[in-house]
């Protein structure tokens, strides 16, 4: 019977997408365990999240199998987080090349290098949400209707997860993490999830749609990644989340921790979808620039995204802090790092 791996001091651990929002949180968690972290970052990518951290930073394009193999050589563990997490890109094929091809390159590199365990970061976006309309939280057994996988991010992550599980069936030692809605410090880009918080801080959410999100602190999500490696089963998926809360409650929570007013106007879902469709057509297709309100973002804002992370809590010993703390940390980080316009910043607590 095989024993569970344990991250030991000095272990060589590779993290792809290491300078990203979740990736950098995983790096910090690994450094807390005194691992020797090899941080892979896209060529020319922003490494602000890795400044002052004792890591080896290597520029690697995950689409290049030779580069990935070389960088992963000798790693005991690999956390694969590199992905395109956006709702639009000028070249749609990039979603497939990075999200699917990159994952396959990392798994092959792990095989060649004798890596002991891989943690692959998927997304709850690959799960079915039919029950959410009835107030039922989705879990790891909720399969998706592929016709409802709107947007290239969800589609390519769905394909990537399929390929990862196929590789696992052929012997790759992979556990899978499915993050929910992470917020917190270090969201440099910001990600679509952080953008919701930032848009609120900058007064760009005059109204909202009645929907539900599962909010988790990014550092709790990072801790869940380490638990998946040390306590998780090979081939098993784990939702790592926090609190299910309505959009109104989320905005009210942000108002409570910032002192900024919460929007009161609630709009129909059909209106949000209409704006998203128009923005996607005019800006995305005709003007070839990122839409102000991407259709996939509109669809996300009109879908009840309730999730049950009971498996991770029961099998991994996972726990999470209150969502209000995640909101406070995210708001403070954006404020301190120049993301909030002066007029709104002056009104914050």
C-alpha atoms as a PDB file:
ATOM      1  CA  UNK A   1       0.000   0.000   0.000  1.00  0.00           C
ATOM      2  CA  UNK A   2       1.460   3.364  -1.041  1.00  0.00           C
ATOM      3  CA  UNK A   3       1.940   6.084   1.549  1.00  0.00           C
ATOM      4  CA  UNK A   4       0.852   9.675   1.137  1.00  0.00           C
ATOM      5  CA  UNK A   5       3.610  12.071   0.069  1.00  0.00           C
ATOM      6  CA  UNK A   6       4.735  14.805   2.441  1.00  0.00           C
ATOM      7  CA  UNK A   7       6.414  18.051   1.464  1.00  0.00           C
ATOM      8  CA  UNK A   8       9.770  18.078   3.231  1.00  0.00           C
ATOM      9  CA  UNK A   9      12.306  20.833   3.724  1.00  0.00           C
ATOM     10  CA  UNK A  10      14.447  21.252   0.624  1.00  0.00           C
ATOM     11  CA  UNK A  11      12.116  19.335  -1.715  1.00  0.00           C
ATOM     12  CA  UNK A  12      12.319  20.639  -5.285  1.00  0.00           C
ATOM     13  CA  UNK A  13       8.770  21.727  -6.172  1.00  0.00           C
ATOM     14  CA  UNK A  14       7.844  23.219  -9.540  1.00  0.00           C
ATOM     15  CA  UNK A  15       4.928  25.637  -9.775  1.00  0.00           C
ATOM     16  CA  UNK A  16       3.712  26.671 -13.221  1.00  0.00           C
ATOM     17  CA  UNK A  17       1.869  29.986 -13.466  1.00  0.00           C
ATOM     18  CA  UNK A  18       3.790  30.862 -10.312  1.00  0.00           C
ATOM     19  CA  UNK A  19       3.488  34.638 -10.641  1.00  0.00           C
ATOM     20  CA  UNK A  20      -0.266  34.478 -11.090  1.00  0.00           C
ATOM     21  CA  UNK A  21      -2.883  35.175  -8.465  1.00  0.00           C
ATOM     22  CA  UNK A  22      -3.395  31.607  -7.234  1.00  0.00           C
ATOM     23  CA  UNK A  23       0.063  30.420  -8.282  1.00  0.00           C
ATOM     24  CA  UNK A  24       1.874  32.981  -6.134  1.00  0.00           C
ATOM     25  CA  UNK A  25      -0.306  32.048  -3.152  1.00  0.00           C
ATOM     26  CA  UNK A  26       0.718  28.408  -3.649  1.00  0.00           C
ATOM     27  CA  UNK A  27       4.367  29.519  -3.834  1.00  0.00           C
ATOM     28  CA  UNK A  28       4.040  31.349  -0.521  1.00  0.00           C
ATOM     29  CA  UNK A  29       2.433  28.304   1.076  1.00  0.00           C
ATOM     30  CA  UNK A  30       5.273  26.075  -0.152  1.00  0.00           C
ATOM     31  CA  UNK A  31       7.901  28.485   1.137  1.00  0.00           C
ATOM     32  CA  UNK A  32       6.160  28.247   4.479  1.00  0.00           C
ATOM     33  CA  UNK A  33       7.009  24.554   4.357  1.00  0.00           C
ATOM     34  CA  UNK A  34      10.640  25.343   3.419  1.00  0.00           C
ATOM     35  CA  UNK A  35      10.423  23.734  -0.009  1.00  0.00           C
ATOM     36  CA  UNK A  36      12.857  24.702  -2.783  1.00  0.00           C
ATOM     37  CA  UNK A  37      10.429  26.318  -5.194  1.00  0.00           C
ATOM     38  CA  UNK A  38      11.071  26.556  -8.931  1.00  0.00           C
ATOM     39  CA  UNK A  39       8.674  29.216 -10.190  1.00  0.00           C
ATOM     40  CA  UNK A  40       7.803  28.941 -13.874  1.00  0.00           C
ATOM     41  CA  UNK A  41       6.486  32.099 -15.488  1.00  0.00           C
ATOM     42  CA  UNK A  42       5.488  32.970 -19.033  1.00  0.00           C
ATOM     43  CA  UNK A  43       8.204  34.760 -21.036  1.00  0.00           C
ATOM     44  CA  UNK A  44       8.023  38.490 -20.406  1.00  0.00           C
ATOM     45  CA  UNK A  45       5.316  38.018 -17.794  1.00  0.00           C
ATOM     46  CA  UNK A  46       4.879  40.193 -14.724  1.00  0.00           C
ATOM     47  CA  UNK A  47       6.794  38.748 -11.751  1.00  0.00           C
ATOM     48  CA  UNK A  48       5.706  41.341  -9.172  1.00  0.00           C
ATOM     49  CA  UNK A  49       4.090  38.628  -7.038  1.00  0.00           C
ATOM     50  CA  UNK A  50       7.429  36.816  -6.755  1.00  0.00           C
ATOM     51  CA  UNK A  51       9.522  39.788  -5.682  1.00  0.00           C
ATOM     52  CA  UNK A  52      11.361  39.289  -2.392  1.00  0.00           C
ATOM     53  CA  UNK A  53      10.507  35.575  -2.398  1.00  0.00           C
ATOM     54  CA  UNK A  54      13.308  33.004  -2.211  1.00  0.00           C
ATOM     55  CA  UNK A  55      12.475  31.134  -5.409  1.00  0.00           C
ATOM     56  CA  UNK A  56      14.179  30.204  -8.659  1.00  0.00           C
ATOM     57  CA  UNK A  57      12.261  31.996 -11.413  1.00  0.00           C
ATOM     58  CA  UNK A  58      12.470  30.429 -14.882  1.00  0.00           C
ATOM     59  CA  UNK A  59      10.739  31.813 -17.958  1.00  0.00           C
ATOM     60  CA  UNK A  60       8.959  28.935 -19.664  1.00  0.00           C
ATOM     61  CA  UNK A  61       6.321  28.840 -22.366  1.00  0.00           C
ATOM     62  CA  UNK A  62       4.170  25.858 -21.361  1.00  0.00           C
ATOM     63  CA  UNK A  63       3.395  25.306 -25.041  1.00  0.00           C
ATOM     64  CA  UNK A  64       7.052  24.356 -25.556  1.00  0.00           C
ATOM     65  CA  UNK A  65       7.486  20.755 -24.396  1.00  0.00           C
ATOM     66  CA  UNK A  66      11.297  20.890 -24.369  1.00  0.00           C
ATOM     67  CA  UNK A  67      11.343  23.968 -22.147  1.00  0.00           C
ATOM     68  CA  UNK A  68       8.820  22.403 -19.775  1.00  0.00           C
ATOM     69  CA  UNK A  69      10.717  19.105 -19.589  1.00  0.00           C
ATOM     70  CA  UNK A  70      13.983  20.835 -18.784  1.00  0.00           C
ATOM     71  CA  UNK A  71      12.459  23.052 -16.108  1.00  0.00           C
ATOM     72  CA  UNK A  72      10.637  20.161 -14.417  1.00  0.00           C
ATOM     73  CA  UNK A  73      13.636  17.834 -14.335  1.00  0.00           C
ATOM     74  CA  UNK A  74      14.363  16.638 -10.813  1.00  0.00           C
ATOM     75  CA  UNK A  75      11.138  17.958  -9.296  1.00  0.00           C
ATOM     76  CA  UNK A  76       9.619  15.803  -6.595  1.00  0.00           C
ATOM     77  CA  UNK A  77       6.266  17.557  -6.937  1.00  0.00           C
ATOM     78  CA  UNK A  78       4.615  19.767  -9.570  1.00  0.00           C
ATOM     79  CA  UNK A  79       1.707  22.159  -9.149  1.00  0.00           C
ATOM     80  CA  UNK A  80       0.315  23.027 -12.573  1.00  0.00           C
ATOM     81  CA  UNK A  81      -1.613  26.292 -12.460  1.00  0.00           C
ATOM     82  CA  UNK A  82      -0.574  28.002 -15.710  1.00  0.00           C
ATOM     83  CA  UNK A  83      -3.634  28.762 -17.830  1.00  0.00           C
ATOM     84  CA  UNK A  84      -5.330  31.512 -19.765  1.00  0.00           C
ATOM     85  CA  UNK A  85      -8.065  32.654 -17.380  1.00  0.00           C
ATOM     86  CA  UNK A  86      -9.889  35.316 -19.324  1.00  0.00           C
ATOM     87  CA  UNK A  87     -13.209  35.658 -21.080  1.00  0.00           C
ATOM     88  CA  UNK A  88     -11.732  36.799 -24.394  1.00  0.00           C
ATOM     89  CA  UNK A  89      -8.493  36.607 -26.382  1.00  0.00           C
ATOM     90  CA  UNK A  90      -7.549  37.992 -29.811  1.00  0.00           C
ATOM     91  CA  UNK A  91      -6.391  34.517 -30.873  1.00  0.00           C
ATOM     92  CA  UNK A  92      -8.850  31.856 -29.638  1.00  0.00           C
ATOM     93  CA  UNK A  93      -6.433  29.002 -30.430  1.00  0.00           C
ATOM     94  CA  UNK A  94      -4.219  30.235 -27.585  1.00  0.00           C
ATOM     95  CA  UNK A  95      -6.786  28.927 -25.109  1.00  0.00           C
ATOM     96  CA  UNK A  96      -6.322  25.402 -26.456  1.00  0.00           C
ATOM     97  CA  UNK A  97      -2.548  25.626 -26.858  1.00  0.00           C
ATOM     98  CA  UNK A  98      -2.009  26.826 -23.279  1.00  0.00           C
ATOM     99  CA  UNK A  99      -4.841  25.259 -21.301  1.00  0.00           C
ATOM    100  CA  UNK A 100      -4.830  21.843 -22.987  1.00  0.00           C
ATOM    101  CA  UNK A 101      -1.425  21.532 -24.634  1.00  0.00           C
ATOM    102  CA  UNK A 102       0.338  23.042 -21.636  1.00  0.00           C
ATOM    103  CA  UNK A 103      -1.248  20.536 -19.259  1.00  0.00           C
ATOM    104  CA  UNK A 104      -0.200  17.621 -21.452  1.00  0.00           C
ATOM    105  CA  UNK A 105       3.352  18.972 -21.681  1.00  0.00           C
ATOM    106  CA  UNK A 106       3.596  19.227 -17.899  1.00  0.00           C
ATOM    107  CA  UNK A 107       2.329  15.677 -17.373  1.00  0.00           C
ATOM    108  CA  UNK A 108       4.805  14.323 -19.922  1.00  0.00           C
ATOM    109  CA  UNK A 109       7.617  16.285 -18.277  1.00  0.00           C
ATOM    110  CA  UNK A 110       6.606  14.838 -14.914  1.00  0.00           C
ATOM    111  CA  UNK A 111       6.698  11.318 -16.341  1.00  0.00           C
ATOM    112  CA  UNK A 112      10.143  11.805 -17.817  1.00  0.00           C
ATOM    113  CA  UNK A 113      11.494  13.375 -14.644  1.00  0.00           C
ATOM    114  CA  UNK A 114      10.075  10.806 -12.252  1.00  0.00           C
ATOM    115  CA  UNK A 115       7.869  13.315 -10.436  1.00  0.00           C
ATOM    116  CA  UNK A 116       6.146  11.751  -7.434  1.00  0.00           C
ATOM    117  CA  UNK A 117       2.884  13.719  -7.519  1.00  0.00           C
ATOM    118  CA  UNK A 118       1.192  16.383  -9.641  1.00  0.00           C
ATOM    119  CA  UNK A 119      -1.570  18.706  -8.497  1.00  0.00           C
ATOM    120  CA  UNK A 120      -3.531  19.995 -11.475  1.00  0.00           C
ATOM    121  CA  UNK A 121      -5.634  23.131 -11.049  1.00  0.00           C
ATOM    122  CA  UNK A 122      -8.927  22.737 -12.898  1.00  0.00           C
ATOM    123  CA  UNK A 123     -12.018  24.882 -12.263  1.00  0.00           C
ATOM    124  CA  UNK A 124     -15.553  24.471 -10.967  1.00  0.00           C
ATOM    125  CA  UNK A 125     -16.496  25.851 -14.377  1.00  0.00           C
ATOM    126  CA  UNK A 126     -16.298  22.290 -15.740  1.00  0.00           C
ATOM    127  CA  UNK A 127     -19.116  21.115 -13.453  1.00  0.00           C
ATOM    128  CA  UNK A 128     -22.839  21.062 -14.140  1.00  0.00           C
ATOM    129  CA  UNK A 129     -25.026  23.693 -12.482  1.00  0.00           C
ATOM    130  CA  UNK A 130     -28.506  22.434 -13.303  1.00  0.00           C
ATOM    131  CA  UNK A 131     -29.325  21.953  -9.623  1.00  0.00           C
ATOM    132  CA  UNK A 132     -28.212  25.450  -8.679  1.00  0.00           C
ATOM    133  CA  UNK A 133     -31.376  26.943 -10.138  1.00  0.00           C
ATOM    134  CA  UNK A 134     -33.238  24.884  -7.513  1.00  0.00           C
ATOM    135  CA  UNK A 135     -30.914  25.958  -4.728  1.00  0.00           C
ATOM    136  CA  UNK A 136     -28.809  22.771  -4.849  1.00  0.00           C
ATOM    137  CA  UNK A 137     -25.045  23.220  -4.564  1.00  0.00           C
ATOM    138  CA  UNK A 138     -22.946  21.400  -7.174  1.00  0.00           C
ATOM    139  CA  UNK A 139     -20.244  18.963  -6.119  1.00  0.00           C
ATOM    140  CA  UNK A 140     -17.565  16.895  -7.854  1.00  0.00           C
ATOM    141  CA  UNK A 141     -20.181  14.439  -9.152  1.00  0.00           C
ATOM    142  CA  UNK A 142     -22.205  17.123 -10.984  1.00  0.00           C
ATOM    143  CA  UNK A 143     -21.470  16.528 -14.646  1.00  0.00           C
ATOM    144  CA  UNK A 144     -21.837  19.312 -17.173  1.00  0.00           C
ATOM    145  CA  UNK A 145     -24.032  19.533 -20.224  1.00  0.00           C
ATOM    146  CA  UNK A 146     -21.313  20.400 -22.744  1.00  0.00           C
ATOM    147  CA  UNK A 147     -23.746  22.690 -24.568  1.00  0.00           C
ATOM    148  CA  UNK A 148     -23.685  24.878 -21.449  1.00  0.00           C
ATOM    149  CA  UNK A 149     -19.908  25.251 -21.348  1.00  0.00           C
ATOM    150  CA  UNK A 150     -19.994  28.810 -22.626  1.00  0.00           C
ATOM    151  CA  UNK A 151     -16.722  30.501 -23.523  1.00  0.00           C
ATOM    152  CA  UNK A 152     -13.298  29.235 -24.506  1.00  0.00           C
ATOM    153  CA  UNK A 153     -11.960  29.201 -20.955  1.00  0.00           C
ATOM    154  CA  UNK A 154     -14.537  26.692 -19.722  1.00  0.00           C
ATOM    155  CA  UNK A 155     -14.397  24.629 -22.903  1.00  0.00           C
ATOM    156  CA  UNK A 156     -10.632  24.281 -22.907  1.00  0.00           C
ATOM    157  CA  UNK A 157     -10.453  23.567 -19.178  1.00  0.00           C
ATOM    158  CA  UNK A 158     -13.091  20.869 -19.676  1.00  0.00           C
ATOM    159  CA  UNK A 159     -11.015  19.292 -22.452  1.00  0.00           C
ATOM    160  CA  UNK A 160      -7.839  19.666 -20.399  1.00  0.00           C
ATOM    161  CA  UNK A 161      -9.388  17.951 -17.372  1.00  0.00           C
ATOM    162  CA  UNK A 162     -10.497  15.079 -19.595  1.00  0.00           C
ATOM    163  CA  UNK A 163      -6.952  14.682 -20.924  1.00  0.00           C
ATOM    164  CA  UNK A 164      -5.475  14.906 -17.412  1.00  0.00           C
ATOM    165  CA  UNK A 165      -7.832  12.207 -16.156  1.00  0.00           C
ATOM    166  CA  UNK A 166      -7.004  10.054 -19.169  1.00  0.00           C
ATOM    167  CA  UNK A 167      -3.300  10.400 -18.366  1.00  0.00           C
ATOM    168  CA  UNK A 168      -4.064   9.543 -14.746  1.00  0.00           C
ATOM    169  CA  UNK A 169      -5.829   6.365 -15.859  1.00  0.00           C
ATOM    170  CA  UNK A 170      -2.602   5.482 -17.669  1.00  0.00           C
ATOM    171  CA  UNK A 171      -0.510   5.945 -14.536  1.00  0.00           C
ATOM    172  CA  UNK A 172       0.153   9.673 -14.064  1.00  0.00           C
ATOM    173  CA  UNK A 173       0.051  10.498 -10.312  1.00  0.00           C
ATOM    174  CA  UNK A 174      -2.363  13.443 -10.465  1.00  0.00           C
ATOM    175  CA  UNK A 175      -4.805  14.930  -7.968  1.00  0.00           C
ATOM    176  CA  UNK A 176      -7.137  17.688  -9.125  1.00  0.00           C
ATOM    177  CA  UNK A 177      -8.170  20.930  -7.441  1.00  0.00           C
ATOM    178  CA  UNK A 178     -11.277  22.836  -8.540  1.00  0.00           C
ATOM    179  CA  UNK A 179     -11.161  26.408  -7.176  1.00  0.00           C
ATOM    180  CA  UNK A 180     -14.384  28.345  -6.726  1.00  0.00           C
ATOM    181  CA  UNK A 181     -14.307  32.167  -6.569  1.00  0.00           C
ATOM    182  CA  UNK A 182     -10.957  33.272  -5.060  1.00  0.00           C
ATOM    183  CA  UNK A 183     -10.291  36.810  -3.908  1.00  0.00           C
ATOM    184  CA  UNK A 184      -7.529  38.295  -1.779  1.00  0.00           C
ATOM    185  CA  UNK A 185      -4.091  39.931  -2.106  1.00  0.00           C
ATOM    186  CA  UNK A 186      -1.881  39.660  -5.174  1.00  0.00           C
ATOM    187  CA  UNK A 187      -4.442  39.774  -7.986  1.00  0.00           C
ATOM    188  CA  UNK A 188      -2.138  41.805 -10.225  1.00  0.00           C
ATOM    189  CA  UNK A 189      -3.916  41.411 -13.585  1.00  0.00           C
ATOM    190  CA  UNK A 190      -6.662  41.256 -12.079  1.00  0.00           C
ATOM    191  CA  UNK A 191      -8.440  37.974 -12.788  1.00  0.00           C
ATOM    192  CA  UNK A 192     -12.141  38.069 -13.704  1.00  0.00           C
ATOM    193  CA  UNK A 193     -12.987  37.282 -10.081  1.00  0.00           C
ATOM    194  CA  UNK A 194     -10.813  40.077  -8.711  1.00  0.00           C
ATOM    195  CA  UNK A 195     -12.156  42.446 -11.346  1.00  0.00           C
ATOM    196  CA  UNK A 196     -15.588  42.186  -9.751  1.00  0.00           C
ATOM    197  CA  UNK A 197     -14.140  43.454  -6.474  1.00  0.00           C
ATOM    198  CA  UNK A 198     -12.122  46.154  -8.234  1.00  0.00           C
ATOM    199  CA  UNK A 199     -15.076  47.327 -10.319  1.00  0.00           C
ATOM    200  CA  UNK A 200     -17.031  47.731  -7.097  1.00  0.00           C
ATOM    201  CA  UNK A 201     -14.203  49.700  -5.495  1.00  0.00           C
ATOM    202  CA  UNK A 202     -14.052  52.025  -8.508  1.00  0.00           C
ATOM    203  CA  UNK A 203     -17.797  52.573  -8.628  1.00  0.00           C
ATOM    204  CA  UNK A 204     -18.330  50.626 -11.839  1.00  0.00           C
ATOM    205  CA  UNK A 205     -21.156  48.442 -10.531  1.00  0.00           C
ATOM    206  CA  UNK A 206     -24.216  50.717 -10.480  1.00  0.00           C
ATOM    207  CA  UNK A 207     -26.518  47.688 -10.443  1.00  0.00           C
ATOM    208  CA  UNK A 208     -26.313  43.929  -9.999  1.00  0.00           C
ATOM    209  CA  UNK A 209     -27.983  40.702 -11.038  1.00  0.00           C
ATOM    210  CA  UNK A 210     -29.407  38.296  -8.462  1.00  0.00           C
ATOM    211  CA  UNK A 211     -26.954  35.389  -8.526  1.00  0.00           C
ATOM    212  CA  UNK A 212     -24.852  33.287  -6.157  1.00  0.00           C
ATOM    213  CA  UNK A 213     -21.081  32.875  -5.863  1.00  0.00           C
ATOM    214  CA  UNK A 214     -18.830  30.736  -3.680  1.00  0.00           C
ATOM    215  CA  UNK A 215     -16.200  33.056  -2.197  1.00  0.00           C
ATOM    216  CA  UNK A 216     -12.828  31.755  -0.915  1.00  0.00           C
ATOM    217  CA  UNK A 217      -9.686  33.507   0.292  1.00  0.00           C
ATOM    218  CA  UNK A 218      -6.831  32.855  -2.124  1.00  0.00           C
ATOM    219  CA  UNK A 219      -4.537  31.764   0.728  1.00  0.00           C
ATOM    220  CA  UNK A 220      -7.083  29.150   1.843  1.00  0.00           C
ATOM    221  CA  UNK A 221      -7.228  27.959  -1.750  1.00  0.00           C
ATOM    222  CA  UNK A 222      -3.430  27.649  -1.748  1.00  0.00           C
ATOM    223  CA  UNK A 223      -3.554  25.639   1.476  1.00  0.00           C
ATOM    224  CA  UNK A 224      -6.103  23.384  -0.216  1.00  0.00           C
ATOM    225  CA  UNK A 225      -3.623  22.710  -3.020  1.00  0.00           C
ATOM    226  CA  UNK A 226      -1.040  21.452  -0.523  1.00  0.00           C
ATOM    227  CA  UNK A 227      -3.653  19.319   1.208  1.00  0.00           C
ATOM    228  CA  UNK A 228      -4.638  17.799  -2.141  1.00  0.00           C
ATOM    229  CA  UNK A 229      -1.030  16.744  -2.627  1.00  0.00           C
ATOM    230  CA  UNK A 230      -0.473  15.347   0.853  1.00  0.00           C
ATOM    231  CA  UNK A 231      -3.926  13.966   1.674  1.00  0.00           C
ATOM    232  CA  UNK A 232      -5.651  13.593  -1.680  1.00  0.00           C
ATOM    233  CA  UNK A 233      -6.131  10.460  -3.751  1.00  0.00           C
ATOM    234  CA  UNK A 234      -4.704  10.028  -7.225  1.00  0.00           C
ATOM    235  CA  UNK A 235      -7.354  10.655  -9.867  1.00  0.00           C
ATOM    236  CA  UNK A 236      -9.656  12.366  -7.354  1.00  0.00           C
ATOM    237  CA  UNK A 237     -11.088  15.865  -7.748  1.00  0.00           C
ATOM    238  CA  UNK A 238     -11.556  18.294  -4.875  1.00  0.00           C
ATOM    239  CA  UNK A 239     -13.608  21.486  -4.880  1.00  0.00           C
ATOM    240  CA  UNK A 240     -11.742  24.034  -2.771  1.00  0.00           C
ATOM    241  CA  UNK A 241     -14.130  26.787  -1.770  1.00  0.00           C
ATOM    242  CA  UNK A 242     -15.618  28.908   0.960  1.00  0.00           C
ATOM    243  CA  UNK A 243     -19.024  30.526   1.456  1.00  0.00           C
ATOM    244  CA  UNK A 244     -21.969  30.488  -0.935  1.00  0.00           C
ATOM    245  CA  UNK A 245     -23.395  33.998  -0.981  1.00  0.00           C
ATOM    246  CA  UNK A 246     -25.714  36.073  -3.129  1.00  0.00           C
ATOM    247  CA  UNK A 247     -24.345  38.948  -5.171  1.00  0.00           C
ATOM    248  CA  UNK A 248     -26.259  41.396  -3.004  1.00  0.00           C
ATOM    249  CA  UNK A 249     -24.657  39.947   0.133  1.00  0.00           C
ATOM    250  CA  UNK A 250     -21.213  40.058  -1.468  1.00  0.00           C
ATOM    251  CA  UNK A 251     -21.581  43.731  -2.386  1.00  0.00           C
ATOM    252  CA  UNK A 252     -22.969  44.486   1.072  1.00  0.00           C
ATOM    253  CA  UNK A 253     -19.927  42.766   2.584  1.00  0.00           C
ATOM    254  CA  UNK A 254     -17.585  44.866   0.473  1.00  0.00           C
ATOM    255  CA  UNK A 255     -19.486  47.958   1.570  1.00  0.00           C
ATOM    256  CA  UNK A 256     -19.078  46.941   5.214  1.00  0.00           C
ATOM    257  CA  UNK A 257     -15.293  46.542   4.987  1.00  0.00           C
ATOM    258  CA  UNK A 258     -14.634  49.595   2.800  1.00  0.00           C
ATOM    259  CA  UNK A 259     -17.238  52.164   3.802  1.00  0.00           C
ATOM    260  CA  UNK A 260     -18.212  52.595   0.144  1.00  0.00           C
ATOM    261  CA  UNK A 261     -21.915  52.499  -0.738  1.00  0.00           C
ATOM    262  CA  UNK A 262     -23.370  49.265  -2.062  1.00  0.00           C
ATOM    263  CA  UNK A 263     -25.447  49.417  -5.266  1.00  0.00           C
ATOM    264  CA  UNK A 264     -29.157  49.081  -4.603  1.00  0.00           C
ATOM    265  CA  UNK A 265     -30.486  48.574  -8.133  1.00  0.00           C
ATOM    266  CA  UNK A 266     -31.097  44.977  -9.195  1.00  0.00           C
ATOM    267  CA  UNK A 267     -31.497  44.356 -12.918  1.00  0.00           C
ATOM    268  CA  UNK A 268     -33.022  41.426 -14.838  1.00  0.00           C
ATOM    269  CA  UNK A 269     -30.676  38.715 -16.065  1.00  0.00           C
ATOM    270  CA  UNK A 270     -31.906  39.253 -19.619  1.00  0.00           C
ATOM    271  CA  UNK A 271     -30.560  42.811 -19.568  1.00  0.00           C
ATOM    272  CA  UNK A 272     -27.092  41.703 -18.474  1.00  0.00           C
ATOM    273  CA  UNK A 273     -27.005  39.036 -21.176  1.00  0.00           C
ATOM    274  CA  UNK A 274     -28.111  41.532 -23.814  1.00  0.00           C
ATOM    275  CA  UNK A 275     -25.347  43.980 -22.883  1.00  0.00           C
ATOM    276  CA  UNK A 276     -22.794  41.155 -22.915  1.00  0.00           C
ATOM    277  CA  UNK A 277     -23.891  39.918 -26.338  1.00  0.00           C
ATOM    278  CA  UNK A 278     -23.719  43.422 -27.813  1.00  0.00           C
ATOM    279  CA  UNK A 279     -20.298  44.122 -26.310  1.00  0.00           C
ATOM    280  CA  UNK A 280     -18.972  40.773 -27.567  1.00  0.00           C
ATOM    281  CA  UNK A 281     -20.212  41.486 -31.103  1.00  0.00           C
ATOM    282  CA  UNK A 282     -19.111  45.112 -31.443  1.00  0.00           C
ATOM    283  CA  UNK A 283     -15.880  45.166 -29.428  1.00  0.00           C
ATOM    284  CA  UNK A 284     -14.771  41.522 -29.608  1.00  0.00           C
ATOM    285  CA  UNK A 285     -15.632  40.593 -33.193  1.00  0.00           C
ATOM    286  CA  UNK A 286     -15.737  43.891 -35.053  1.00  0.00           C
ATOM    287  CA  UNK A 287     -13.159  46.025 -33.228  1.00  0.00           C
ATOM    288  CA  UNK A 288     -10.929  43.069 -32.218  1.00  0.00           C
ATOM    289  CA  UNK A 289     -10.433  44.282 -28.660  1.00  0.00           C
ATOM    290  CA  UNK A 290     -11.375  42.891 -25.276  1.00  0.00           C
ATOM    291  CA  UNK A 291     -15.075  43.552 -24.661  1.00  0.00           C
ATOM    292  CA  UNK A 292     -16.028  45.868 -21.823  1.00  0.00           C
ATOM    293  CA  UNK A 293     -18.691  43.334 -20.807  1.00  0.00           C
ATOM    294  CA  UNK A 294     -17.744  39.968 -22.302  1.00  0.00           C
ATOM    295  CA  UNK A 295     -20.658  37.640 -22.949  1.00  0.00           C
ATOM    296  CA  UNK A 296     -19.112  34.910 -20.817  1.00  0.00           C
ATOM    297  CA  UNK A 297     -18.756  37.362 -17.933  1.00  0.00           C
ATOM    298  CA  UNK A 298     -22.417  38.247 -18.342  1.00  0.00           C
ATOM    299  CA  UNK A 299     -23.373  34.582 -18.334  1.00  0.00           C
ATOM    300  CA  UNK A 300     -21.328  34.061 -15.167  1.00  0.00           C
ATOM    301  CA  UNK A 301     -23.043  37.015 -13.519  1.00  0.00           C
ATOM    302  CA  UNK A 302     -26.459  35.534 -14.276  1.00  0.00           C
ATOM    303  CA  UNK A 303     -25.766  31.944 -13.155  1.00  0.00           C
ATOM    304  CA  UNK A 304     -26.187  30.634  -9.632  1.00  0.00           C
ATOM    305  CA  UNK A 305     -22.764  29.194  -8.862  1.00  0.00           C
ATOM    306  CA  UNK A 306     -23.290  27.327  -5.605  1.00  0.00           C
ATOM    307  CA  UNK A 307     -20.767  24.661  -4.670  1.00  0.00           C
ATOM    308  CA  UNK A 308     -20.382  22.043  -1.973  1.00  0.00           C
ATOM    309  CA  UNK A 309     -16.761  21.501  -0.900  1.00  0.00           C
ATOM    310  CA  UNK A 310     -17.641  18.843   1.657  1.00  0.00           C
ATOM    311  CA  UNK A 311     -15.368  16.256   0.033  1.00  0.00           C
ATOM    312  CA  UNK A 312     -12.278  18.411   0.608  1.00  0.00           C
ATOM    313  CA  UNK A 313     -13.297  19.142   4.183  1.00  0.00           C
ATOM    314  CA  UNK A 314     -13.959  15.471   4.972  1.00  0.00           C
ATOM    315  CA  UNK A 315     -11.089  13.834   3.059  1.00  0.00           C
ATOM    316  CA  UNK A 316      -8.370  16.506   3.161  1.00  0.00           C
ATOM    317  CA  UNK A 317      -9.121  18.256   6.437  1.00  0.00           C
ATOM    318  CA  UNK A 318      -9.649  21.499   4.535  1.00  0.00           C
ATOM    319  CA  UNK A 319     -11.076  24.584   6.209  1.00  0.00           C
ATOM    320  CA  UNK A 320     -11.621  28.204   5.176  1.00  0.00           C
ATOM    321  CA  UNK A 321     -11.924  31.581   6.880  1.00  0.00           C
ATOM    322  CA  UNK A 322     -15.071  33.748   6.664  1.00  0.00           C
ATOM    323  CA  UNK A 323     -15.601  35.328   3.249  1.00  0.00           C
ATOM    324  CA  UNK A 324     -15.709  38.797   4.784  1.00  0.00           C
ATOM    325  CA  UNK A 325     -11.992  38.452   5.597  1.00  0.00           C
ATOM    326  CA  UNK A 326     -11.235  37.634   1.975  1.00  0.00           C
ATOM    327  CA  UNK A 327     -13.166  40.727   0.891  1.00  0.00           C
ATOM    328  CA  UNK A 328     -11.275  42.926   3.331  1.00  0.00           C
ATOM    329  CA  UNK A 329      -7.873  41.596   2.248  1.00  0.00           C
ATOM    330  CA  UNK A 330      -8.710  41.997  -1.450  1.00  0.00           C
ATOM    331  CA  UNK A 331      -9.992  45.549  -1.003  1.00  0.00           C
ATOM    332  CA  UNK A 332      -6.991  46.584   1.078  1.00  0.00           C
ATOM    333  CA  UNK A 333      -4.544  45.130  -1.442  1.00  0.00           C
ATOM    334  CA  UNK A 334      -6.150  46.896  -4.406  1.00  0.00           C
ATOM    335  CA  UNK A 335      -6.227  50.154  -2.431  1.00  0.00           C
ATOM    336  CA  UNK A 336      -2.580  49.943  -1.358  1.00  0.00           C
ATOM    337  CA  UNK A 337      -1.320  49.050  -4.814  1.00  0.00           C
ATOM    338  CA  UNK A 338      -2.807  51.900  -6.819  1.00  0.00           C
ATOM    339  CA  UNK A 339      -5.798  50.168  -8.411  1.00  0.00           C
ATOM    340  CA  UNK A 340      -8.481  52.369  -6.887  1.00  0.00           C
ATOM    341  CA  UNK A 341      -9.187  55.797  -8.380  1.00  0.00           C
ATOM    342  CA  UNK A 342      -8.380  58.686  -5.980  1.00  0.00           C
ATOM    343  CA  UNK A 343     -11.967  59.861  -5.649  1.00  0.00           C
ATOM    344  CA  UNK A 344     -13.120  56.459  -4.403  1.00  0.00           C
ATOM    345  CA  UNK A 345      -9.962  55.821  -2.397  1.00  0.00           C
ATOM    346  CA  UNK A 346     -10.650  58.972  -0.370  1.00  0.00           C
ATOM    347  CA  UNK A 347     -14.030  57.519   0.643  1.00  0.00           C
ATOM    348  CA  UNK A 348     -12.669  54.163   1.838  1.00  0.00           C
ATOM    349  CA  UNK A 349     -12.201  53.271   5.493  1.00  0.00           C
END
